[in-house]
Amino acid sequence: MRYKRLPFDWMPATLDWIPDDLPHPPLCAAANRKLDGLTPRVVPAVYFPNDGLIRNESTTIAYLLDERHADRLAVPRDPAVAFCSHLLEDMADEWLVKIAFLYRWGHEEDAAFKSRIVTGEFLGGYYSRAVLDKAAKHFASRQQSRMRLVGATAENAAMIMMSFDRLLKAMDRLSDNATFIFGASPTLADFGFYGQLQSLAADPTPWASMRGAAPGVFPYLQLLEDSSGIETQELSLLDIGAATADLLRIVVDIYLPYLRANERALAGNEPSFAFEVDGLRYVQEPFKYHAKCYRVLREKFSALNPGARSQVEAVLGSTEFLLS
């Protein structure tokens, strides 16, 4: 919203996580009323006051904002860059969240620290320390109960942390050839990465890892915090540097195999699926939404014109998982 120079109100919303024995904060009441009937009940959600439209799911919101406010696009005009940007944003939404979940809710220090910040924002002041402690513990317990659903388990930790290490190495070198992932102006991919990396940078354990292994990530996040002063530029896959190529290799090596294994498990009505990368094993129950993500990626790849498709194939190296 800042990048697009659109005025907006930021309103915290509690949705359905507050139990009856805790106060329901008036700060969230207005947002909760506007979100009545929202399905699924997940955030972020954007309310468009001109027509009363409410949309959630960050990718859907980004495309809708571009459709309504086309002067500063998040989705690049170049179809090859647009596809690769969507590919990275999808990985950020659906795989990087596993990294964030594993660190935040799998480490007691991080869970205690962040749950107090999140619930403190929701409560909005005028609460006792006892109320904050109770709300924080309840919220942390709620999130930790979802770790298996997300796949952020001890069994999967080695692969998740390997992917984080690869991500940090690439992001730390991004400024060697560019300001943002695809060049001089941000795209959908950057905003997807921002959401997850900013979260990780605010938690004690991953913050320490990022500070030691990838200090270059912090100025990148600072630029994205308010990119309203960044002018949009035409972008081309022919101009990307090694860091961006490395990010796309993570998609090819880890994220797309994950999506295909998940889809095959759903098709076979299997209770779980597994896949391996570099000798590391990942196991999870199938997740229907990720089958939709996979289908959309393949449809977008299939719709590319021959020139754009050739550029994408050259950058990815392998498009096997986008054809099957």
C-alpha atoms as a PDB file:
ATOM      1  CA  MET A   1       0.000   0.000   0.000  1.00  0.00           C
ATOM      2  CA  ARG A   2       2.858   2.380   0.784  1.00  0.00           C
ATOM      3  CA  TYR A   3       4.626   1.449  -2.444  1.00  0.00           C
ATOM      4  CA  LYS A   4       1.451   2.197  -4.401  1.00  0.00           C
ATOM      5  CA  ARG A   5       1.027   5.473  -2.468  1.00  0.00           C
ATOM      6  CA  LEU A   6      -2.484   4.529  -1.415  1.00  0.00           C
ATOM      7  CA  PRO A   7      -3.995   5.927   1.789  1.00  0.00           C
ATOM      8  CA  PHE A   8      -5.120   3.248   4.217  1.00  0.00           C
ATOM      9  CA  ASP A   9      -6.052   2.603   7.844  1.00  0.00           C
ATOM     10  CA  TRP A  10      -4.237  -0.217   9.660  1.00  0.00           C
ATOM     11  CA  MET A  11      -6.711  -1.926  11.972  1.00  0.00           C
ATOM     12  CA  PRO A  12      -5.795  -4.892  14.193  1.00  0.00           C
ATOM     13  CA  ALA A  13      -8.345  -7.699  14.117  1.00  0.00           C
ATOM     14  CA  THR A  14      -8.615 -10.574  16.584  1.00  0.00           C
ATOM     15  CA  LEU A  15     -11.012 -12.714  14.517  1.00  0.00           C
ATOM     16  CA  ASP A  16     -11.776 -15.845  16.556  1.00  0.00           C
ATOM     17  CA  TRP A  17      -8.766 -16.583  18.748  1.00  0.00           C
ATOM     18  CA  ILE A  18      -9.818 -14.834  21.999  1.00  0.00           C
ATOM     19  CA  PRO A  19     -11.552 -17.176  24.498  1.00  0.00           C
ATOM     20  CA  ASP A  20     -14.538 -16.032  26.538  1.00  0.00           C
ATOM     21  CA  ASP A  21     -12.549 -15.632  29.755  1.00  0.00           C
ATOM     22  CA  LEU A  22     -10.354 -12.888  28.253  1.00  0.00           C
ATOM     23  CA  PRO A  23     -11.451  -9.326  27.455  1.00  0.00           C
ATOM     24  CA  HIS A  24     -12.465  -8.680  23.861  1.00  0.00           C
ATOM     25  CA  PRO A  25     -10.508  -5.524  23.057  1.00  0.00           C
ATOM     26  CA  PRO A  26     -12.518  -2.549  21.763  1.00  0.00           C
ATOM     27  CA  LEU A  27      -9.530  -1.583  19.559  1.00  0.00           C
ATOM     28  CA  CYS A  28     -10.326  -4.589  17.341  1.00  0.00           C
ATOM     29  CA  ALA A  29     -14.111  -4.284  17.453  1.00  0.00           C
ATOM     30  CA  ALA A  30     -14.456  -2.057  14.361  1.00  0.00           C
ATOM     31  CA  ALA A  31     -12.262  -4.318  12.239  1.00  0.00           C
ATOM     32  CA  ASN A  32     -14.013  -7.447  13.475  1.00  0.00           C
ATOM     33  CA  ARG A  33     -17.397  -5.991  12.484  1.00  0.00           C
ATOM     34  CA  LYS A  34     -16.154  -5.242   8.965  1.00  0.00           C
ATOM     35  CA  LEU A  35     -14.846  -8.803   8.680  1.00  0.00           C
ATOM     36  CA  ASP A  36     -18.143 -10.448   9.596  1.00  0.00           C
ATOM     37  CA  GLY A  37     -18.816 -13.188   7.072  1.00  0.00           C
ATOM     38  CA  LEU A  38     -15.221 -13.309   5.837  1.00  0.00           C
ATOM     39  CA  THR A  39     -14.324 -16.789   4.548  1.00  0.00           C
ATOM     40  CA  PRO A  40     -11.825 -18.149   5.248  1.00  0.00           C
ATOM     41  CA  ARG A  41     -11.253 -16.178   8.433  1.00  0.00           C
ATOM     42  CA  VAL A  42      -7.586 -15.394   7.905  1.00  0.00           C
ATOM     43  CA  VAL A  43      -5.561 -12.216   7.685  1.00  0.00           C
ATOM     44  CA  PRO A  44      -4.400 -10.054   6.044  1.00  0.00           C
ATOM     45  CA  ALA A  45      -7.734  -8.788   4.808  1.00  0.00           C
ATOM     46  CA  VAL A  46      -8.440  -5.559   2.936  1.00  0.00           C
ATOM     47  CA  TYR A  47     -11.742  -3.717   3.072  1.00  0.00           C
ATOM     48  CA  PHE A  48     -12.466  -1.522   0.045  1.00  0.00           C
ATOM     49  CA  PRO A  49     -14.808   1.230   1.303  1.00  0.00           C
ATOM     50  CA  ASN A  50     -16.006   2.385  -2.135  1.00  0.00           C
ATOM     51  CA  ASP A  51     -17.908  -0.825  -2.787  1.00  0.00           C
ATOM     52  CA  GLY A  52     -17.734  -2.670   0.535  1.00  0.00           C
ATOM     53  CA  LEU A  53     -15.615  -5.447  -0.951  1.00  0.00           C
ATOM     54  CA  ILE A  54     -13.496  -7.510   1.456  1.00  0.00           C
ATOM     55  CA  ARG A  55     -10.660  -9.689   0.210  1.00  0.00           C
ATOM     56  CA  ASN A  56      -8.065 -11.764   2.032  1.00  0.00           C
ATOM     57  CA  GLU A  57      -5.111 -13.903   0.857  1.00  0.00           C
ATOM     58  CA  SER A  58      -2.170 -11.663   0.097  1.00  0.00           C
ATOM     59  CA  THR A  59      -1.622 -12.707  -3.542  1.00  0.00           C
ATOM     60  CA  THR A  60      -5.271 -12.090  -4.413  1.00  0.00           C
ATOM     61  CA  ILE A  61      -5.114  -8.691  -2.709  1.00  0.00           C
ATOM     62  CA  ALA A  62      -1.964  -7.703  -4.624  1.00  0.00           C
ATOM     63  CA  TYR A  63      -3.480  -8.554  -8.013  1.00  0.00           C
ATOM     64  CA  LEU A  64      -6.701  -6.748  -7.144  1.00  0.00           C
ATOM     65  CA  LEU A  65      -4.823  -3.622  -6.063  1.00  0.00           C
ATOM     66  CA  ASP A  66      -2.880  -3.650  -9.344  1.00  0.00           C
ATOM     67  CA  GLU A  67      -6.138  -4.004 -11.247  1.00  0.00           C
ATOM     68  CA  ARG A  68      -7.657  -1.007  -9.467  1.00  0.00           C
ATOM     69  CA  HIS A  69      -4.498   1.115  -9.178  1.00  0.00           C
ATOM     70  CA  ALA A  70      -2.318   0.401 -12.198  1.00  0.00           C
ATOM     71  CA  ASP A  71       0.128   3.303 -12.040  1.00  0.00           C
ATOM     72  CA  ARG A  72       2.624   1.573  -9.685  1.00  0.00           C
ATOM     73  CA  LEU A  73       2.355  -2.130 -10.413  1.00  0.00           C
ATOM     74  CA  ALA A  74       3.539  -4.866  -8.083  1.00  0.00           C
ATOM     75  CA  VAL A  75       3.163  -7.440 -10.877  1.00  0.00           C
ATOM     76  CA  PRO A  76       5.702  -6.538 -13.602  1.00  0.00           C
ATOM     77  CA  ARG A  77       4.540  -5.851 -17.142  1.00  0.00           C
ATOM     78  CA  ASP A  78       7.157  -8.171 -18.612  1.00  0.00           C
ATOM     79  CA  PRO A  79       5.469 -11.618 -18.660  1.00  0.00           C
ATOM     80  CA  ALA A  80       8.656 -13.583 -17.915  1.00  0.00           C
ATOM     81  CA  VAL A  81       9.482 -11.420 -14.906  1.00  0.00           C
ATOM     82  CA  ALA A  82       5.833 -11.493 -13.800  1.00  0.00           C
ATOM     83  CA  PHE A  83       5.830 -15.294 -13.811  1.00  0.00           C
ATOM     84  CA  CYS A  84       9.102 -15.606 -11.888  1.00  0.00           C
ATOM     85  CA  SER A  85       7.943 -12.951  -9.440  1.00  0.00           C
ATOM     86  CA  HIS A  86       4.726 -14.894  -8.828  1.00  0.00           C
ATOM     87  CA  LEU A  87       6.746 -18.094  -8.428  1.00  0.00           C
ATOM     88  CA  LEU A  88       8.916 -16.553  -5.707  1.00  0.00           C
ATOM     89  CA  GLU A  89       5.979 -14.861  -3.990  1.00  0.00           C
ATOM     90  CA  ASP A  90       4.146 -18.177  -3.893  1.00  0.00           C
ATOM     91  CA  MET A  91       7.161 -19.836  -2.279  1.00  0.00           C
ATOM     92  CA  ALA A  92       7.360 -16.994   0.230  1.00  0.00           C
ATOM     93  CA  ASP A  93       3.693 -17.398   1.166  1.00  0.00           C
ATOM     94  CA  GLU A  94       3.612 -21.177   1.362  1.00  0.00           C
ATOM     95  CA  TRP A  95       7.158 -22.400   2.154  1.00  0.00           C
ATOM     96  CA  LEU A  96       8.835 -19.528   4.003  1.00  0.00           C
ATOM     97  CA  VAL A  97       5.950 -19.569   6.470  1.00  0.00           C
ATOM     98  CA  LYS A  98       7.273 -22.963   7.553  1.00  0.00           C
ATOM     99  CA  ILE A  99      10.588 -21.304   8.425  1.00  0.00           C
ATOM    100  CA  ALA A 100       8.834 -18.546  10.352  1.00  0.00           C
ATOM    101  CA  PHE A 101       6.603 -21.033  12.199  1.00  0.00           C
ATOM    102  CA  LEU A 102       9.491 -23.336  13.097  1.00  0.00           C
ATOM    103  CA  TYR A 103      11.557 -20.550  14.622  1.00  0.00           C
ATOM    104  CA  ARG A 104       8.784 -18.564  16.293  1.00  0.00           C
ATOM    105  CA  TRP A 105       6.695 -21.353  17.780  1.00  0.00           C
ATOM    106  CA  GLY A 106       9.342 -24.091  17.998  1.00  0.00           C
ATOM    107  CA  HIS A 107      11.597 -22.101  20.362  1.00  0.00           C
ATOM    108  CA  GLU A 108      10.169 -21.231  23.773  1.00  0.00           C
ATOM    109  CA  GLU A 109      12.084 -17.946  23.998  1.00  0.00           C
ATOM    110  CA  ASP A 110      10.726 -16.795  20.638  1.00  0.00           C
ATOM    111  CA  ALA A 111       7.187 -17.981  21.395  1.00  0.00           C
ATOM    112  CA  ALA A 112       7.086 -16.166  24.728  1.00  0.00           C
ATOM    113  CA  PHE A 113       8.604 -13.000  23.268  1.00  0.00           C
ATOM    114  CA  LYS A 114       6.467 -12.666  20.154  1.00  0.00           C
ATOM    115  CA  SER A 115       3.167 -13.850  21.606  1.00  0.00           C
ATOM    116  CA  ARG A 116       3.299 -10.968  24.088  1.00  0.00           C
ATOM    117  CA  ILE A 117       3.877  -8.458  21.285  1.00  0.00           C
ATOM    118  CA  VAL A 118       1.077  -9.833  19.105  1.00  0.00           C
ATOM    119  CA  THR A 119      -1.477 -10.039  21.897  1.00  0.00           C
ATOM    120  CA  GLY A 120      -0.384  -6.695  23.329  1.00  0.00           C
ATOM    121  CA  GLU A 121      -1.204  -5.056  19.987  1.00  0.00           C
ATOM    122  CA  PHE A 122      -4.583  -6.775  19.917  1.00  0.00           C
ATOM    123  CA  LEU A 123      -5.422  -5.799  23.510  1.00  0.00           C
ATOM    124  CA  GLY A 124      -4.505  -2.204  22.742  1.00  0.00           C
ATOM    125  CA  GLY A 125      -3.710  -0.959  26.241  1.00  0.00           C
ATOM    126  CA  TYR A 126      -5.712  -0.745  29.479  1.00  0.00           C
ATOM    127  CA  TYR A 127      -4.869  -4.335  30.425  1.00  0.00           C
ATOM    128  CA  SER A 128      -3.071  -5.812  33.420  1.00  0.00           C
ATOM    129  CA  ARG A 129       0.152  -7.798  33.218  1.00  0.00           C
ATOM    130  CA  ALA A 130      -1.821 -10.881  34.268  1.00  0.00           C
ATOM    131  CA  VAL A 131      -4.236 -10.443  31.351  1.00  0.00           C
ATOM    132  CA  LEU A 132      -1.351 -10.012  28.907  1.00  0.00           C
ATOM    133  CA  ASP A 133       0.405 -13.113  30.250  1.00  0.00           C
ATOM    134  CA  LYS A 134      -2.759 -15.182  29.954  1.00  0.00           C
ATOM    135  CA  ALA A 135      -3.537 -13.937  26.437  1.00  0.00           C
ATOM    136  CA  ALA A 136       0.048 -14.521  25.279  1.00  0.00           C
ATOM    137  CA  LYS A 137       0.134 -18.079  26.597  1.00  0.00           C
ATOM    138  CA  HIS A 138      -3.212 -18.858  24.995  1.00  0.00           C
ATOM    139  CA  PHE A 139      -2.133 -17.459  21.628  1.00  0.00           C
ATOM    140  CA  ALA A 140       1.236 -19.251  21.698  1.00  0.00           C
ATOM    141  CA  SER A 141      -0.506 -22.534  22.515  1.00  0.00           C
ATOM    142  CA  ARG A 142      -2.941 -21.980  19.644  1.00  0.00           C
ATOM    143  CA  GLN A 143      -0.134 -21.375  17.174  1.00  0.00           C
ATOM    144  CA  GLN A 144       1.967 -24.287  18.413  1.00  0.00           C
ATOM    145  CA  SER A 145      -1.011 -26.609  17.922  1.00  0.00           C
ATOM    146  CA  ARG A 146      -0.889 -25.699  14.219  1.00  0.00           C
ATOM    147  CA  MET A 147       2.775 -26.547  13.686  1.00  0.00           C
ATOM    148  CA  ARG A 148       2.079 -30.058  12.438  1.00  0.00           C
ATOM    149  CA  LEU A 149      -0.484 -28.739   9.952  1.00  0.00           C
ATOM    150  CA  VAL A 150       2.093 -26.268   8.618  1.00  0.00           C
ATOM    151  CA  GLY A 151       4.799 -28.946   8.525  1.00  0.00           C
ATOM    152  CA  ALA A 152       7.034 -27.091  10.974  1.00  0.00           C
ATOM    153  CA  THR A 153       7.999 -30.195  12.950  1.00  0.00           C
ATOM    154  CA  ALA A 154      11.215 -31.508  14.453  1.00  0.00           C
ATOM    155  CA  GLU A 155      11.270 -34.214  11.766  1.00  0.00           C
ATOM    156  CA  ASN A 156      11.262 -31.568   9.026  1.00  0.00           C
ATOM    157  CA  ALA A 157      13.526 -29.065  10.764  1.00  0.00           C
ATOM    158  CA  ALA A 158      16.712 -30.044   8.907  1.00  0.00           C
ATOM    159  CA  MET A 159      15.241 -29.362   5.459  1.00  0.00           C
ATOM    160  CA  ILE A 160      13.449 -26.215   6.579  1.00  0.00           C
ATOM    161  CA  MET A 161      16.634 -24.799   8.096  1.00  0.00           C
ATOM    162  CA  MET A 162      18.654 -25.810   5.009  1.00  0.00           C
ATOM    163  CA  SER A 163      16.242 -23.838   2.844  1.00  0.00           C
ATOM    164  CA  PHE A 164      16.582 -20.861   5.202  1.00  0.00           C
ATOM    165  CA  ASP A 165      20.371 -21.022   4.966  1.00  0.00           C
ATOM    166  CA  ARG A 166      20.192 -21.039   1.172  1.00  0.00           C
ATOM    167  CA  LEU A 167      17.722 -18.175   1.205  1.00  0.00           C
ATOM    168  CA  LEU A 168      19.902 -16.034   3.468  1.00  0.00           C
ATOM    169  CA  LYS A 169      23.027 -16.643   1.391  1.00  0.00           C
ATOM    170  CA  ALA A 170      21.210 -15.503  -1.727  1.00  0.00           C
ATOM    171  CA  MET A 171      19.532 -12.494  -0.119  1.00  0.00           C
ATOM    172  CA  ASP A 172      22.790 -11.329   1.451  1.00  0.00           C
ATOM    173  CA  ARG A 173      24.291 -10.994  -2.038  1.00  0.00           C
ATOM    174  CA  LEU A 174      21.284  -9.349  -3.663  1.00  0.00           C
ATOM    175  CA  SER A 175      22.751  -5.846  -3.454  1.00  0.00           C
ATOM    176  CA  ASP A 176      25.778  -6.907  -5.522  1.00  0.00           C
ATOM    177  CA  ASN A 177      23.728  -6.448  -8.688  1.00  0.00           C
ATOM    178  CA  ALA A 178      20.374  -4.927  -7.729  1.00  0.00           C
ATOM    179  CA  THR A 179      18.280  -3.142  -5.139  1.00  0.00           C
ATOM    180  CA  PHE A 180      15.387  -5.582  -5.203  1.00  0.00           C
ATOM    181  CA  ILE A 181      14.970  -9.133  -6.435  1.00  0.00           C
ATOM    182  CA  PHE A 182      14.439  -8.310 -10.102  1.00  0.00           C
ATOM    183  CA  GLY A 183      16.156  -4.949 -10.315  1.00  0.00           C
ATOM    184  CA  ALA A 184      15.724  -1.345  -9.312  1.00  0.00           C
ATOM    185  CA  SER A 185      12.075  -1.490  -8.225  1.00  0.00           C
ATOM    186  CA  PRO A 186      10.158  -3.989  -6.071  1.00  0.00           C
ATOM    187  CA  THR A 187       7.747  -6.603  -7.359  1.00  0.00           C
ATOM    188  CA  LEU A 188       5.230  -9.007  -5.879  1.00  0.00           C
ATOM    189  CA  ALA A 189       8.133 -11.314  -4.977  1.00  0.00           C
ATOM    190  CA  ASP A 190       9.768  -8.664  -2.799  1.00  0.00           C
ATOM    191  CA  PHE A 191       6.583  -7.986  -0.869  1.00  0.00           C
ATOM    192  CA  GLY A 192       6.073 -11.706  -0.315  1.00  0.00           C
ATOM    193  CA  PHE A 193       9.624 -12.081   0.979  1.00  0.00           C
ATOM    194  CA  TYR A 194       9.272  -8.934   3.089  1.00  0.00           C
ATOM    195  CA  GLY A 195       6.338 -10.348   5.028  1.00  0.00           C
ATOM    196  CA  GLN A 196       8.220 -13.461   6.079  1.00  0.00           C
ATOM    197  CA  LEU A 197      11.722 -12.011   6.492  1.00  0.00           C
ATOM    198  CA  GLN A 198      10.489  -9.047   8.529  1.00  0.00           C
ATOM    199  CA  SER A 199       8.735 -11.486  10.832  1.00  0.00           C
ATOM    200  CA  LEU A 200      11.902 -13.558  11.182  1.00  0.00           C
ATOM    201  CA  ALA A 201      13.980 -10.425  11.773  1.00  0.00           C
ATOM    202  CA  ALA A 202      11.748  -9.517  14.733  1.00  0.00           C
ATOM    203  CA  ASP A 203      12.203 -12.826  16.584  1.00  0.00           C
ATOM    204  CA  PRO A 204      15.267 -13.490  18.786  1.00  0.00           C
ATOM    205  CA  THR A 205      16.576 -16.752  17.301  1.00  0.00           C
ATOM    206  CA  PRO A 206      16.273 -16.082  13.544  1.00  0.00           C
ATOM    207  CA  TRP A 207      17.322 -12.439  14.094  1.00  0.00           C
ATOM    208  CA  ALA A 208      20.625 -13.694  15.495  1.00  0.00           C
ATOM    209  CA  SER A 209      21.070 -16.035  12.516  1.00  0.00           C
ATOM    210  CA  MET A 210      20.294 -13.267  10.048  1.00  0.00           C
ATOM    211  CA  ARG A 211      22.586 -10.808  11.789  1.00  0.00           C
ATOM    212  CA  GLY A 212      25.476 -13.268  11.612  1.00  0.00           C
ATOM    213  CA  ALA A 213      24.933 -14.894   8.227  1.00  0.00           C
ATOM    214  CA  ALA A 214      23.106 -12.261   6.161  1.00  0.00           C
ATOM    215  CA  PRO A 215      23.450  -8.672   7.396  1.00  0.00           C
ATOM    216  CA  GLY A 216      22.593  -7.518   3.878  1.00  0.00           C
ATOM    217  CA  VAL A 217      18.985  -8.560   4.449  1.00  0.00           C
ATOM    218  CA  PHE A 218      18.381  -5.737   6.925  1.00  0.00           C
ATOM    219  CA  PRO A 219      18.895  -2.755   4.572  1.00  0.00           C
ATOM    220  CA  TYR A 220      16.789  -4.602   1.988  1.00  0.00           C
ATOM    221  CA  LEU A 221      13.941  -4.833   4.507  1.00  0.00           C
ATOM    222  CA  GLN A 222      14.419  -1.217   5.507  1.00  0.00           C
ATOM    223  CA  LEU A 223      13.994  -0.098   1.889  1.00  0.00           C
ATOM    224  CA  LEU A 224      10.829  -2.160   1.535  1.00  0.00           C
ATOM    225  CA  GLU A 225       9.333  -0.887   4.799  1.00  0.00           C
ATOM    226  CA  ASP A 226       8.273   2.253   2.941  1.00  0.00           C
ATOM    227  CA  SER A 227       9.094   2.093  -0.761  1.00  0.00           C
ATOM    228  CA  SER A 228       6.803   4.971  -1.714  1.00  0.00           C
ATOM    229  CA  GLY A 229       9.857   6.962  -2.798  1.00  0.00           C
ATOM    230  CA  ILE A 230      11.106   4.239  -5.160  1.00  0.00           C
ATOM    231  CA  GLU A 231      10.250   4.937  -8.790  1.00  0.00           C
ATOM    232  CA  THR A 232       9.043   2.002 -10.880  1.00  0.00           C
ATOM    233  CA  GLN A 233      11.373   0.637 -13.537  1.00  0.00           C
ATOM    234  CA  GLU A 234      10.978  -1.708 -16.485  1.00  0.00           C
ATOM    235  CA  LEU A 235      12.433  -5.077 -15.522  1.00  0.00           C
ATOM    236  CA  SER A 236      13.887  -7.958 -17.533  1.00  0.00           C
ATOM    237  CA  LEU A 237      15.018 -11.488 -16.680  1.00  0.00           C
ATOM    238  CA  LEU A 238      18.075 -10.792 -18.836  1.00  0.00           C
ATOM    239  CA  ASP A 239      19.306  -8.381 -16.148  1.00  0.00           C
ATOM    240  CA  ILE A 240      19.012 -10.520 -13.017  1.00  0.00           C
ATOM    241  CA  GLY A 241      22.081 -11.323 -10.948  1.00  0.00           C
ATOM    242  CA  ALA A 242      23.376 -14.504  -9.348  1.00  0.00           C
ATOM    243  CA  ALA A 243      21.436 -13.916  -6.107  1.00  0.00           C
ATOM    244  CA  THR A 244      18.073 -13.903  -7.879  1.00  0.00           C
ATOM    245  CA  ALA A 245      19.063 -16.978  -9.889  1.00  0.00           C
ATOM    246  CA  ASP A 246      19.901 -18.719  -6.604  1.00  0.00           C
ATOM    247  CA  LEU A 247      16.475 -17.831  -5.183  1.00  0.00           C
ATOM    248  CA  LEU A 248      14.798 -19.341  -8.223  1.00  0.00           C
ATOM    249  CA  ARG A 249      16.911 -22.485  -7.804  1.00  0.00           C
ATOM    250  CA  ILE A 250      15.418 -22.918  -4.316  1.00  0.00           C
ATOM    251  CA  VAL A 251      11.997 -22.962  -5.988  1.00  0.00           C
ATOM    252  CA  VAL A 252      13.158 -25.635  -8.444  1.00  0.00           C
ATOM    253  CA  ASP A 253      15.033 -27.742  -5.889  1.00  0.00           C
ATOM    254  CA  ILE A 254      12.621 -27.593  -2.942  1.00  0.00           C
ATOM    255  CA  TYR A 255       9.315 -25.796  -3.424  1.00  0.00           C
ATOM    256  CA  LEU A 256       8.113 -27.334  -6.688  1.00  0.00           C
ATOM    257  CA  PRO A 257       9.015 -30.910  -5.604  1.00  0.00           C
ATOM    258  CA  TYR A 258       7.074 -30.223  -2.401  1.00  0.00           C
ATOM    259  CA  LEU A 259       4.030 -29.066  -4.365  1.00  0.00           C
ATOM    260  CA  ARG A 260       4.099 -32.078  -6.679  1.00  0.00           C
ATOM    261  CA  ALA A 261       4.466 -34.559  -3.810  1.00  0.00           C
ATOM    262  CA  ASN A 262       1.535 -32.897  -2.036  1.00  0.00           C
ATOM    263  CA  GLU A 263      -0.649 -33.026  -5.144  1.00  0.00           C
ATOM    264  CA  ARG A 264       0.117 -36.686  -5.784  1.00  0.00           C
ATOM    265  CA  ALA A 265      -0.751 -37.570  -2.187  1.00  0.00           C
ATOM    266  CA  LEU A 266      -4.096 -35.824  -2.504  1.00  0.00           C
ATOM    267  CA  ALA A 267      -4.820 -37.556  -5.800  1.00  0.00           C
ATOM    268  CA  GLY A 268      -4.013 -40.914  -4.239  1.00  0.00           C
ATOM    269  CA  ASN A 269      -5.948 -40.154  -1.057  1.00  0.00           C
ATOM    270  CA  GLU A 270      -2.774 -40.775   0.936  1.00  0.00           C
ATOM    271  CA  PRO A 271      -2.632 -39.758   4.623  1.00  0.00           C
ATOM    272  CA  SER A 272       0.825 -38.222   4.231  1.00  0.00           C
ATOM    273  CA  PHE A 273       3.587 -37.629   1.715  1.00  0.00           C
ATOM    274  CA  ALA A 274       7.361 -37.355   1.807  1.00  0.00           C
ATOM    275  CA  PHE A 275      10.128 -36.101  -0.449  1.00  0.00           C
ATOM    276  CA  GLU A 276      13.901 -35.710  -0.132  1.00  0.00           C
ATOM    277  CA  VAL A 277      16.410 -33.031  -1.075  1.00  0.00           C
ATOM    278  CA  ASP A 278      20.157 -33.543  -0.601  1.00  0.00           C
ATOM    279  CA  GLY A 279      19.502 -36.495   1.706  1.00  0.00           C
ATOM    280  CA  LEU A 280      17.085 -34.525   3.903  1.00  0.00           C
ATOM    281  CA  ARG A 281      13.558 -35.856   4.292  1.00  0.00           C
ATOM    282  CA  TYR A 282      10.342 -33.885   4.655  1.00  0.00           C
ATOM    283  CA  VAL A 283       6.999 -35.435   5.728  1.00  0.00           C
ATOM    284  CA  GLN A 284       3.568 -33.793   5.985  1.00  0.00           C
ATOM    285  CA  GLU A 285      -0.140 -34.438   5.708  1.00  0.00           C
ATOM    286  CA  PRO A 286      -1.503 -33.291   2.307  1.00  0.00           C
ATOM    287  CA  PHE A 287      -2.834 -29.748   2.140  1.00  0.00           C
ATOM    288  CA  LYS A 288      -5.580 -29.006  -0.410  1.00  0.00           C
ATOM    289  CA  TYR A 289      -4.786 -25.308  -0.802  1.00  0.00           C
ATOM    290  CA  HIS A 290      -1.268 -26.096  -1.978  1.00  0.00           C
ATOM    291  CA  ALA A 291      -2.678 -28.229  -4.779  1.00  0.00           C
ATOM    292  CA  LYS A 292      -4.497 -25.100  -5.942  1.00  0.00           C
ATOM    293  CA  CYS A 293      -1.249 -23.120  -5.751  1.00  0.00           C
ATOM    294  CA  TYR A 294       0.487 -25.743  -7.879  1.00  0.00           C
ATOM    295  CA  ARG A 295      -2.293 -25.738 -10.454  1.00  0.00           C
ATOM    296  CA  VAL A 296      -2.180 -21.937 -10.760  1.00  0.00           C
ATOM    297  CA  LEU A 297       1.594 -21.966 -11.268  1.00  0.00           C
ATOM    298  CA  ARG A 298       1.339 -24.522 -14.060  1.00  0.00           C
ATOM    299  CA  GLU A 299      -1.500 -22.613 -15.707  1.00  0.00           C
ATOM    300  CA  LYS A 300       0.518 -19.394 -15.630  1.00  0.00           C
ATOM    301  CA  PHE A 301       3.543 -21.165 -17.089  1.00  0.00           C
ATOM    302  CA  SER A 302       1.448 -22.752 -19.834  1.00  0.00           C
ATOM    303  CA  ALA A 303      -0.019 -19.334 -20.735  1.00  0.00           C
ATOM    304  CA  LEU A 304       3.391 -17.717 -21.357  1.00  0.00           C
ATOM    305  CA  ASN A 305       4.179 -16.675 -24.914  1.00  0.00           C
ATOM    306  CA  PRO A 306       7.106 -18.538 -26.550  1.00  0.00           C
ATOM    307  CA  GLY A 307       9.628 -15.744 -25.945  1.00  0.00           C
ATOM    308  CA  ALA A 308       8.768 -15.359 -22.260  1.00  0.00           C
ATOM    309  CA  ARG A 309       8.672 -19.116 -21.780  1.00  0.00           C
ATOM    310  CA  SER A 310      12.138 -19.453 -23.297  1.00  0.00           C
ATOM    311  CA  GLN A 311      13.502 -16.834 -20.856  1.00  0.00           C
ATOM    312  CA  VAL A 312      11.901 -18.583 -17.874  1.00  0.00           C
ATOM    313  CA  GLU A 313      13.272 -21.962 -18.946  1.00  0.00           C
ATOM    314  CA  ALA A 314      16.763 -20.504 -19.266  1.00  0.00           C
ATOM    315  CA  VAL A 315      16.647 -18.979 -15.776  1.00  0.00           C
ATOM    316  CA  LEU A 316      15.065 -21.949 -13.979  1.00  0.00           C
ATOM    317  CA  GLY A 317      17.225 -24.523 -15.700  1.00  0.00           C
ATOM    318  CA  SER A 318      14.510 -27.143 -15.312  1.00  0.00           C
ATOM    319  CA  THR A 319      10.772 -26.761 -15.839  1.00  0.00           C
ATOM    320  CA  GLU A 320       9.952 -30.440 -15.304  1.00  0.00           C
ATOM    321  CA  PHE A 321       7.721 -29.718 -12.305  1.00  0.00           C
ATOM    322  CA  LEU A 322       5.776 -27.055 -14.234  1.00  0.00           C
ATOM    323  CA  LEU A 323       4.923 -29.443 -17.054  1.00  0.00           C
ATOM    324  CA  SER A 324       3.724 -32.491 -15.127  1.00  0.00           C
END
